[in-house]
Amino acid sequence: MESREEVVEQIKEVLVEANKFLSIDNGRVEFVELESDGILRVKFFGSCAVCPLLPMTLRAGVERAVLLKIGEVKRVELATA
């Protein structure tokens, strides 16, 4: 089993890959926290933060990429703060 720090580093690597696509539209996503129940909290910036397609980007883009590579993550949600 991997340490929490290793899992967080893997998450950040997946987000770097996601940002390659999001940067095309002047947006980006960043890691906020990984909760003990497997919920990953992220925050979007730039044009992604105000895009009406944000829910689709979150679920079909970022969440799908993370869930395919990191079994410890159960769901990806937007950070509330």
C-alpha atoms as a PDB file:
ATOM      1  CA  MET A   1       0.000   0.000   0.000  1.00  0.00           C
ATOM      2  CA  GLU A   2       1.276   3.432  -0.899  1.00  0.00           C
ATOM      3  CA  SER A   3       1.724   6.235   1.587  1.00  0.00           C
ATOM      4  CA  ARG A   4      -0.625   9.194   1.577  1.00  0.00           C
ATOM      5  CA  GLU A   5       2.213  11.411   0.336  1.00  0.00           C
ATOM      6  CA  GLU A   6       2.832   9.085  -2.615  1.00  0.00           C
ATOM      7  CA  VAL A   7      -0.864   9.107  -3.523  1.00  0.00           C
ATOM      8  CA  VAL A   8      -0.950  12.915  -3.370  1.00  0.00           C
ATOM      9  CA  GLU A   9       2.102  13.099  -5.649  1.00  0.00           C
ATOM     10  CA  GLN A  10       0.413  10.752  -8.132  1.00  0.00           C
ATOM     11  CA  ILE A  11      -2.713  12.923  -8.060  1.00  0.00           C
ATOM     12  CA  LYS A  12      -0.633  16.017  -8.760  1.00  0.00           C
ATOM     13  CA  GLU A  13       1.006  14.244 -11.710  1.00  0.00           C
ATOM     14  CA  VAL A  14      -2.419  13.443 -13.197  1.00  0.00           C
ATOM     15  CA  LEU A  15      -3.455  17.071 -12.722  1.00  0.00           C
ATOM     16  CA  VAL A  16      -0.320  18.231 -14.551  1.00  0.00           C
ATOM     17  CA  GLU A  17      -1.461  16.142 -17.514  1.00  0.00           C
ATOM     18  CA  ALA A  18      -5.005  17.533 -17.266  1.00  0.00           C
ATOM     19  CA  ASN A  19      -3.614  21.056 -17.203  1.00  0.00           C
ATOM     20  CA  LYS A  20      -1.949  20.493 -20.569  1.00  0.00           C
ATOM     21  CA  PHE A  21      -5.447  20.302 -22.054  1.00  0.00           C
ATOM     22  CA  LEU A  22      -7.045  22.954 -19.855  1.00  0.00           C
ATOM     23  CA  SER A  23      -4.297  25.469 -20.655  1.00  0.00           C
ATOM     24  CA  ILE A  24      -5.435  25.461 -24.286  1.00  0.00           C
ATOM     25  CA  ASP A  25      -8.469  27.433 -23.057  1.00  0.00           C
ATOM     26  CA  ASN A  26      -6.463  29.443 -20.485  1.00  0.00           C
ATOM     27  CA  GLY A  27      -7.593  27.369 -17.519  1.00  0.00           C
ATOM     28  CA  ARG A  28      -6.060  25.077 -14.938  1.00  0.00           C
ATOM     29  CA  VAL A  29      -6.960  22.796 -12.059  1.00  0.00           C
ATOM     30  CA  GLU A  30      -5.069  22.442  -8.779  1.00  0.00           C
ATOM     31  CA  PHE A  31      -5.014  19.945  -5.938  1.00  0.00           C
ATOM     32  CA  VAL A  32      -6.571  21.242  -2.705  1.00  0.00           C
ATOM     33  CA  GLU A  33      -6.854  18.183  -0.459  1.00  0.00           C
ATOM     34  CA  LEU A  34      -7.414  14.454  -0.296  1.00  0.00           C
ATOM     35  CA  GLU A  35      -9.888  13.605   2.439  1.00  0.00           C
ATOM     36  CA  SER A  36      -9.594  10.396   4.446  1.00  0.00           C
ATOM     37  CA  ASP A  37     -12.719   8.988   2.754  1.00  0.00           C
ATOM     38  CA  GLY A  38     -11.125   9.204  -0.711  1.00  0.00           C
ATOM     39  CA  ILE A  39     -12.752  12.456  -1.803  1.00  0.00           C
ATOM     40  CA  LEU A  40     -10.316  14.609  -3.770  1.00  0.00           C
ATOM     41  CA  ARG A  41     -10.962  18.355  -3.615  1.00  0.00           C
ATOM     42  CA  VAL A  42      -9.724  20.482  -6.512  1.00  0.00           C
ATOM     43  CA  LYS A  43     -10.031  24.101  -7.577  1.00  0.00           C
ATOM     44  CA  PHE A  44     -10.262  25.481 -11.107  1.00  0.00           C
ATOM     45  CA  PHE A  45      -8.675  28.754 -12.205  1.00  0.00           C
ATOM     46  CA  GLY A  46      -8.688  30.973 -15.259  1.00  0.00           C
ATOM     47  CA  SER A  47     -11.373  30.516 -17.844  1.00  0.00           C
ATOM     48  CA  CYS A  48     -12.252  27.090 -16.418  1.00  0.00           C
ATOM     49  CA  ALA A  49     -13.447  28.674 -13.179  1.00  0.00           C
ATOM     50  CA  VAL A  50     -16.243  30.558 -14.953  1.00  0.00           C
ATOM     51  CA  CYS A  51     -16.979  28.177 -17.818  1.00  0.00           C
ATOM     52  CA  PRO A  52     -20.539  26.825 -18.030  1.00  0.00           C
ATOM     53  CA  LEU A  53     -19.041  23.438 -18.964  1.00  0.00           C
ATOM     54  CA  LEU A  54     -17.144  23.173 -15.664  1.00  0.00           C
ATOM     55  CA  PRO A  55     -19.290  20.278 -14.348  1.00  0.00           C
ATOM     56  CA  MET A  56     -18.543  18.275 -17.506  1.00  0.00           C
ATOM     57  CA  THR A  57     -14.835  19.088 -17.305  1.00  0.00           C
ATOM     58  CA  LEU A  58     -14.807  18.025 -13.652  1.00  0.00           C
ATOM     59  CA  ARG A  59     -16.588  14.685 -14.203  1.00  0.00           C
ATOM     60  CA  ALA A  60     -15.689  13.584 -17.727  1.00  0.00           C
ATOM     61  CA  GLY A  61     -12.199  15.053 -17.724  1.00  0.00           C
ATOM     62  CA  VAL A  62     -10.489  15.434 -14.383  1.00  0.00           C
ATOM     63  CA  GLU A  63     -12.416  12.869 -12.329  1.00  0.00           C
ATOM     64  CA  ARG A  64     -12.210  10.218 -15.030  1.00  0.00           C
ATOM     65  CA  ALA A  65      -8.444  10.691 -15.437  1.00  0.00           C
ATOM     66  CA  VAL A  66      -7.847  10.534 -11.691  1.00  0.00           C
ATOM     67  CA  LEU A  67     -10.087   7.514 -11.069  1.00  0.00           C
ATOM     68  CA  LEU A  68      -8.446   5.544 -13.891  1.00  0.00           C
ATOM     69  CA  LYS A  69      -4.982   5.963 -12.390  1.00  0.00           C
ATOM     70  CA  ILE A  70      -5.455   6.261  -8.635  1.00  0.00           C
ATOM     71  CA  GLY A  71      -7.542   3.649  -6.845  1.00  0.00           C
ATOM     72  CA  GLU A  72      -7.464   5.468  -3.513  1.00  0.00           C
ATOM     73  CA  VAL A  73      -9.597   8.300  -4.917  1.00  0.00           C
ATOM     74  CA  LYS A  74     -13.323   7.596  -4.873  1.00  0.00           C
ATOM     75  CA  ARG A  75     -14.680  10.905  -6.189  1.00  0.00           C
ATOM     76  CA  VAL A  76     -13.469  14.340  -7.253  1.00  0.00           C
ATOM     77  CA  GLU A  77     -15.302  17.429  -5.973  1.00  0.00           C
ATOM     78  CA  LEU A  78     -14.807  21.170  -6.197  1.00  0.00           C
ATOM     79  CA  ALA A  79     -13.252  22.763  -3.148  1.00  0.00           C
ATOM     80  CA  THR A  80     -15.761  24.996  -1.388  1.00  0.00           C
ATOM     81  CA  ALA A  81     -13.324  27.595  -0.112  1.00  0.00           C
END
